[in-house]
């Protein structure tokens, strides 16, 4: 995705075009189960997608939530931004906007994501009627007598952020996700919400979030990160500040809960950073610049 986005940016294209293409590459990839096509569905087996975009040059923004049947929610968020006087559209209304602009409805489930959901449903409870009959419960399906669907226990709340700074200093960003796997139908995370899952200020920089999302919404974390950069903090420091801010909120009420959040940021000078809650390794981000492609390792906080 970054390779294709960089071709647009390096040839004088807009950062908005670049981040949209980067996001689309991942959204249509059936092997990525955290966004777009092949994303893991909600508890009813329905893939509901969220996305947002923001253009620093125009101070315009758009988002879609609970969008069904459209592979590229990032592009529909851009339609909201450029072809309506709204910022956030949801559900059937967002879908209708996509249809109005010629997008067709598609089944967003791949065989992989469908099998993941079916396994989850069979293992969800021992008191419902999904799974093998009672007298065969616990037997392996490989013996020919039935049993639970085999395979890994899938669960995640992955998201993709793409941030770009053009040579002239204009900044754009996109956040896109299929959301928390097996979520309560209609649940909306931080990704489509400007100021939470994404924020862009053309005079400062941009920030985005991945993770479970609820704490990003409560803290307006991406906006907080950009404002910290406005005060002189580096992108790396600002991401760490956001982690500390969220953890401190729980400590203030006597709770040692640490949510699973990760932040990425870039400033107008092209400096970047990332930080996450403890996850076994430091946060990482993929970066493309004039010097080439690199995997940047940030920090773990909390």
Protein backbone atom coordinates (compact mmCIF):
# COMPACT_ATOMS: atom_id res chain seq x y z
CA UNK A 1 0.00 0.00 0.00
CA UNK A 2 2.72 2.48 0.90
CA UNK A 3 4.58 1.75 -2.32
CA UNK A 4 1.53 2.68 -4.38
CA UNK A 5 0.71 5.67 -2.20
CA UNK A 6 4.28 6.90 -2.47
CA UNK A 7 4.06 6.86 -6.26
CA UNK A 8 1.18 9.32 -6.03
CA UNK A 9 2.88 11.53 -3.46
CA UNK A 10 6.31 11.57 -5.13
CA UNK A 11 4.79 12.45 -8.51
CA UNK A 12 3.07 15.54 -7.12
CA UNK A 13 -0.29 14.02 -6.24
CA UNK A 14 -2.25 15.07 -3.19
CA UNK A 15 -1.73 13.42 0.19
CA UNK A 16 -5.47 12.69 0.26
CA UNK A 17 -5.21 10.64 -2.93
CA UNK A 18 -2.16 8.87 -1.51
CA UNK A 19 -3.69 7.85 1.80
CA UNK A 20 -6.93 6.73 0.16
CA UNK A 21 -5.09 4.41 -2.22
CA UNK A 22 -2.96 3.01 0.61
CA UNK A 23 -6.10 2.25 2.61
CA UNK A 24 -7.89 0.73 -0.38
CA UNK A 25 -5.03 -1.70 -1.02
CA UNK A 26 -5.52 -3.15 2.45
CA UNK A 27 -9.32 -2.91 2.43
CA UNK A 28 -9.65 -5.15 -0.64
CA UNK A 29 -7.07 -7.69 0.57
CA UNK A 30 -8.97 -10.86 1.55
CA UNK A 31 -6.07 -12.02 3.71
CA UNK A 32 -6.30 -9.04 6.07
CA UNK A 33 -9.09 -9.78 8.54
CA UNK A 34 -9.02 -6.43 10.35
CA UNK A 35 -10.37 -4.11 7.63
CA UNK A 36 -12.63 -4.18 4.60
CA UNK A 37 -13.20 -7.36 2.61
CA UNK A 38 -12.57 -10.40 4.79
CA UNK A 39 -12.86 -8.40 8.00
CA UNK A 40 -14.22 -10.37 10.94
CA UNK A 41 -17.96 -9.80 11.40
CA UNK A 42 -20.17 -8.88 14.33
CA UNK A 43 -21.95 -11.35 16.58
CA UNK A 44 -24.62 -11.98 13.92
CA UNK A 45 -22.10 -12.72 11.18
CA UNK A 46 -22.47 -9.34 9.47
CA UNK A 47 -19.38 -7.36 8.48
CA UNK A 48 -19.87 -3.72 9.52
CA UNK A 49 -17.10 -1.32 8.52
CA UNK A 50 -16.02 2.05 9.94
CA UNK A 51 -13.67 4.65 8.46
CA UNK A 52 -12.76 8.32 8.56
CA UNK A 53 -10.65 10.73 6.57
CA UNK A 54 -9.47 14.28 7.10
CA UNK A 55 -7.81 16.74 4.72
CA UNK A 56 -5.63 19.29 6.47
CA UNK A 57 -5.48 21.60 3.45
CA UNK A 58 -9.24 22.15 3.42
CA UNK A 59 -10.06 21.38 7.08
CA UNK A 60 -12.68 18.96 5.81
CA UNK A 61 -13.48 15.56 7.27
CA UNK A 62 -15.76 12.60 6.65
CA UNK A 63 -16.63 9.33 8.31
CA UNK A 64 -18.85 6.28 7.91
CA UNK A 65 -19.92 3.79 10.54
CA UNK A 66 -21.70 0.41 10.49
CA UNK A 67 -21.35 0.38 6.69
CA UNK A 68 -22.35 -2.96 5.14
CA UNK A 69 -21.69 -4.42 1.69
CA UNK A 70 -18.99 -1.98 0.52
CA UNK A 71 -15.35 -3.10 0.45
CA UNK A 72 -13.72 0.33 0.67
CA UNK A 73 -15.21 2.39 3.51
CA UNK A 74 -12.28 4.83 3.34
CA UNK A 75 -13.48 5.93 -0.09
CA UNK A 76 -17.05 6.35 1.15
CA UNK A 77 -15.76 8.45 4.05
CA UNK A 78 -14.13 10.64 1.42
CA UNK A 79 -17.47 10.93 -0.40
CA UNK A 80 -19.02 12.14 2.85
CA UNK A 81 -16.20 14.68 3.19
CA UNK A 82 -16.32 16.00 -0.36
CA UNK A 83 -19.94 15.56 -1.49
CA UNK A 84 -22.05 16.26 1.60
CA UNK A 85 -22.15 18.98 4.22
CA UNK A 86 -21.90 16.32 6.93
CA UNK A 87 -19.01 14.70 8.76
CA UNK A 88 -20.42 11.33 9.83
CA UNK A 89 -22.94 9.05 8.11
CA UNK A 90 -23.98 5.64 9.40
CA UNK A 91 -25.62 2.37 8.41
CA UNK A 92 -28.13 2.37 5.54
CA UNK A 93 -27.60 6.08 4.87
CA UNK A 94 -23.87 5.62 4.35
CA UNK A 95 -24.56 2.59 2.17
CA UNK A 96 -27.06 4.52 0.06
CA UNK A 97 -24.50 7.28 -0.53
CA UNK A 98 -22.08 4.64 -1.82
CA UNK A 99 -24.78 3.21 -4.11
CA UNK A 100 -25.60 6.70 -5.39
CA UNK A 101 -22.00 7.07 -6.52
CA UNK A 102 -21.97 3.75 -8.35
CA UNK A 103 -20.56 1.37 -5.77
CA UNK A 104 -22.09 -2.10 -5.84
CA UNK A 105 -23.07 -4.26 -2.90
CA UNK A 106 -20.80 -7.23 -2.28
CA UNK A 107 -20.54 -10.06 0.22
CA UNK A 108 -17.69 -8.96 2.49
CA UNK A 109 -17.23 -12.39 4.06
CA UNK A 110 -14.44 -14.61 2.75
CA UNK A 111 -14.45 -18.33 3.44
CA UNK A 112 -11.74 -17.68 6.04
CA UNK A 113 -13.73 -15.02 7.90
CA UNK A 114 -16.93 -17.09 7.68
CA UNK A 115 -15.23 -20.14 9.18
CA UNK A 116 -13.76 -17.96 11.95
CA UNK A 117 -17.21 -16.66 12.83
CA UNK A 118 -18.79 -20.13 12.74
CA UNK A 119 -16.08 -21.47 15.06
CA UNK A 120 -16.64 -18.58 17.46
CA UNK A 121 -20.40 -19.15 17.43
CA UNK A 122 -20.05 -22.87 18.14
CA UNK A 123 -17.69 -22.26 21.05
CA UNK A 124 -19.53 -19.29 22.51
CA UNK A 125 -21.68 -21.22 24.96
CA UNK A 126 -22.21 -24.74 26.19
CA UNK A 127 -25.89 -24.06 26.78
CA UNK A 128 -27.01 -23.04 23.27
CA UNK A 129 -27.73 -25.38 20.38
CA UNK A 130 -24.83 -24.53 18.07
CA UNK A 131 -22.13 -27.17 17.68
CA UNK A 132 -22.32 -30.97 17.74
CA UNK A 133 -25.26 -32.86 19.29
CA UNK A 134 -25.02 -33.35 23.01
CA UNK A 135 -23.97 -37.01 22.87
CA UNK A 136 -21.05 -36.15 20.56
CA UNK A 137 -19.95 -32.98 22.30
CA UNK A 138 -16.20 -32.88 22.83
CA UNK A 139 -15.39 -35.35 20.05
CA UNK A 140 -13.02 -34.27 17.31
CA UNK A 141 -14.49 -33.74 13.88
CA UNK A 142 -11.61 -35.72 12.40
CA UNK A 143 -13.06 -39.00 13.65
CA UNK A 144 -16.00 -38.67 11.27
CA UNK A 145 -18.53 -38.47 14.08
CA UNK A 146 -18.94 -34.72 14.24
CA UNK A 147 -17.64 -32.13 16.68
CA UNK A 148 -16.70 -28.49 16.97
CA UNK A 149 -15.27 -26.81 13.91
CA UNK A 150 -11.50 -26.92 14.21
CA UNK A 151 -9.15 -24.00 13.78
CA UNK A 152 -7.57 -21.13 15.72
CA UNK A 153 -9.48 -18.92 18.10
CA UNK A 154 -9.66 -15.66 16.13
CA UNK A 155 -10.23 -12.39 17.93
CA UNK A 156 -8.87 -8.94 17.37
CA UNK A 157 -9.65 -5.27 17.06
CA UNK A 158 -7.22 -4.31 14.32
CA UNK A 159 -7.26 -1.06 12.41
CA UNK A 160 -5.24 0.63 9.67
CA UNK A 161 -4.07 4.25 9.91
CA UNK A 162 -2.45 6.00 6.95
CA UNK A 163 -0.97 9.48 7.43
CA UNK A 164 0.84 11.55 4.79
CA UNK A 165 2.71 14.84 4.50
CA UNK A 166 3.29 16.22 1.01
CA UNK A 167 6.37 18.14 -0.09
CA UNK A 168 4.42 21.40 0.18
CA UNK A 169 3.46 20.59 3.78
CA UNK A 170 -0.18 19.59 3.23
CA UNK A 171 -1.28 16.73 5.49
CA UNK A 172 -4.02 14.10 5.16
CA UNK A 173 -5.04 10.99 7.04
CA UNK A 174 -7.35 7.98 6.93
CA UNK A 175 -8.39 5.40 9.51
CA UNK A 176 -10.28 2.27 8.47
CA UNK A 177 -11.42 -0.88 10.27
CA UNK A 178 -13.87 -3.75 10.44
CA UNK A 179 -13.97 -3.12 14.16
CA UNK A 180 -13.98 -5.39 17.14
CA UNK A 181 -14.56 -8.97 16.02
CA UNK A 182 -17.88 -10.48 17.17
CA UNK A 183 -18.99 -7.05 18.37
CA UNK A 184 -22.53 -6.24 19.45
CA UNK A 185 -24.33 -5.31 16.21
CA UNK A 186 -24.25 -1.57 15.69
CA UNK A 187 -21.24 -1.01 17.92
CA UNK A 188 -19.08 1.84 16.65
CA UNK A 189 -15.50 2.29 17.75
CA UNK A 190 -13.16 5.24 17.48
CA UNK A 191 -12.13 4.81 13.85
CA UNK A 192 -14.90 6.87 12.17
CA UNK A 193 -14.90 9.59 14.82
CA UNK A 194 -12.85 12.69 14.04
CA UNK A 195 -10.72 13.60 17.05
CA UNK A 196 -10.74 10.04 18.36
CA UNK A 197 -9.51 7.59 15.72
CA UNK A 198 -8.06 10.34 13.50
CA UNK A 199 -7.20 14.02 13.58
CA UNK A 200 -5.32 16.27 11.14
CA UNK A 201 -4.16 19.86 11.59
CA UNK A 202 -2.37 21.23 8.54
CA UNK A 203 -0.27 23.58 10.64
CA UNK A 204 0.89 20.84 13.04
CA UNK A 205 0.53 17.22 11.97
CA UNK A 206 -1.74 14.18 12.20
CA UNK A 207 -2.44 11.28 14.53
CA UNK A 208 -4.39 8.04 14.41
CA UNK A 209 -5.34 5.23 16.75
CA UNK A 210 -5.70 1.47 16.68
CA UNK A 211 -6.85 -0.85 19.42
CA UNK A 212 -10.14 -1.52 21.13
CA UNK A 213 -11.32 2.05 20.67
CA UNK A 214 -13.61 2.80 23.59
CA UNK A 215 -10.86 4.54 25.54
CA UNK A 216 -9.77 6.45 22.45
CA UNK A 217 -13.28 7.87 22.18
CA UNK A 218 -13.44 8.84 25.86
CA UNK A 219 -10.08 10.62 25.70
CA UNK A 220 -10.33 12.19 22.21
CA UNK A 221 -6.85 10.76 21.88
CA UNK A 222 -5.89 11.72 18.32
CA UNK A 223 -6.90 15.33 18.92
CA UNK A 224 -4.96 15.25 22.19
CA UNK A 225 -1.83 14.00 20.39
CA UNK A 226 -2.00 16.72 17.75
CA UNK A 227 -2.49 19.39 20.40
CA UNK A 228 0.53 18.06 22.28
CA UNK A 229 2.57 18.38 19.09
CA UNK A 230 1.29 21.94 18.74
CA UNK A 231 2.77 22.59 22.19
CA UNK A 232 6.18 21.41 21.00
CA UNK A 233 6.18 17.70 21.74
CA UNK A 234 7.64 15.36 19.12
CA UNK A 235 5.29 12.81 17.51
CA UNK A 236 6.90 10.07 19.59
CA UNK A 237 6.52 12.04 22.82
CA UNK A 238 2.93 13.02 21.98
CA UNK A 239 1.93 9.38 21.39
CA UNK A 240 3.47 8.43 24.73
CA UNK A 241 1.63 11.33 26.39
CA UNK A 242 -1.67 9.92 25.16
CA UNK A 243 -0.89 6.47 26.57
CA UNK A 244 0.04 8.01 29.92
CA UNK A 245 -3.06 10.17 29.94
CA UNK A 246 -5.41 7.20 29.49
CA UNK A 247 -3.63 5.02 32.06
CA UNK A 248 -3.61 7.91 34.54
CA UNK A 249 -7.38 8.30 34.18
CA UNK A 250 -7.88 4.76 35.49
CA UNK A 251 -5.29 5.12 38.23
CA UNK A 252 -7.11 8.23 39.40
CA UNK A 253 -10.17 6.11 40.20
CA UNK A 254 -8.10 3.38 41.85
CA UNK A 255 -8.19 0.98 38.91
CA UNK A 256 -5.12 -0.64 37.39
CA UNK A 257 -6.90 -1.43 34.09
CA UNK A 258 -4.72 -0.89 31.01
CA UNK A 259 -6.60 -0.98 27.70
CA UNK A 260 -5.08 -2.16 24.44
CA UNK A 261 -4.46 1.01 22.46
CA UNK A 262 -1.77 2.12 20.01
CA UNK A 263 -1.13 5.57 18.53
CA UNK A 264 0.77 6.79 15.49
CA UNK A 265 1.61 10.39 14.63
CA UNK A 266 3.48 12.51 12.12
CA UNK A 267 4.25 16.22 12.17
CA UNK A 268 4.55 18.83 9.43
CA UNK A 269 8.34 18.36 9.32
CA UNK A 270 7.90 14.67 8.52
CA UNK A 271 8.95 13.40 11.94
CA UNK A 272 6.95 10.41 13.18
CA UNK A 273 6.38 8.20 16.18
CA UNK A 274 4.23 5.47 17.70
CA UNK A 275 3.50 4.00 21.11
CA UNK A 276 1.23 1.33 22.53
CA UNK A 277 -0.02 -0.19 25.73
CA UNK A 278 1.87 -3.35 26.79
CA UNK A 279 1.50 -6.04 24.11
CA UNK A 280 4.68 -8.10 24.32
CA UNK A 281 6.69 -5.86 21.99
CA UNK A 282 7.20 -2.21 21.19
CA UNK A 283 4.78 -0.49 18.82
CA UNK A 284 5.88 -0.48 15.19
CA UNK A 285 4.85 1.47 12.12
CA UNK A 286 5.75 1.23 8.44
CA UNK A 287 7.14 4.46 6.98
CA UNK A 288 7.89 5.51 3.40
CA UNK A 289 9.94 8.63 2.75
CA UNK A 290 12.57 9.92 0.34
CA UNK A 291 15.14 7.60 1.85
CA UNK A 292 13.08 4.48 1.24
CA UNK A 293 10.88 2.12 3.25
CA UNK A 294 11.50 1.38 6.91
CA UNK A 295 9.87 -0.32 9.88
CA UNK A 296 10.07 2.14 12.76
CA UNK A 297 9.96 0.79 16.30
CA UNK A 298 8.40 3.09 18.86
CA UNK A 299 7.69 2.37 22.49
CA UNK A 300 5.46 0.54 24.93
CA UNK A 301 3.95 2.50 27.83
CA UNK A 302 1.71 1.71 30.75
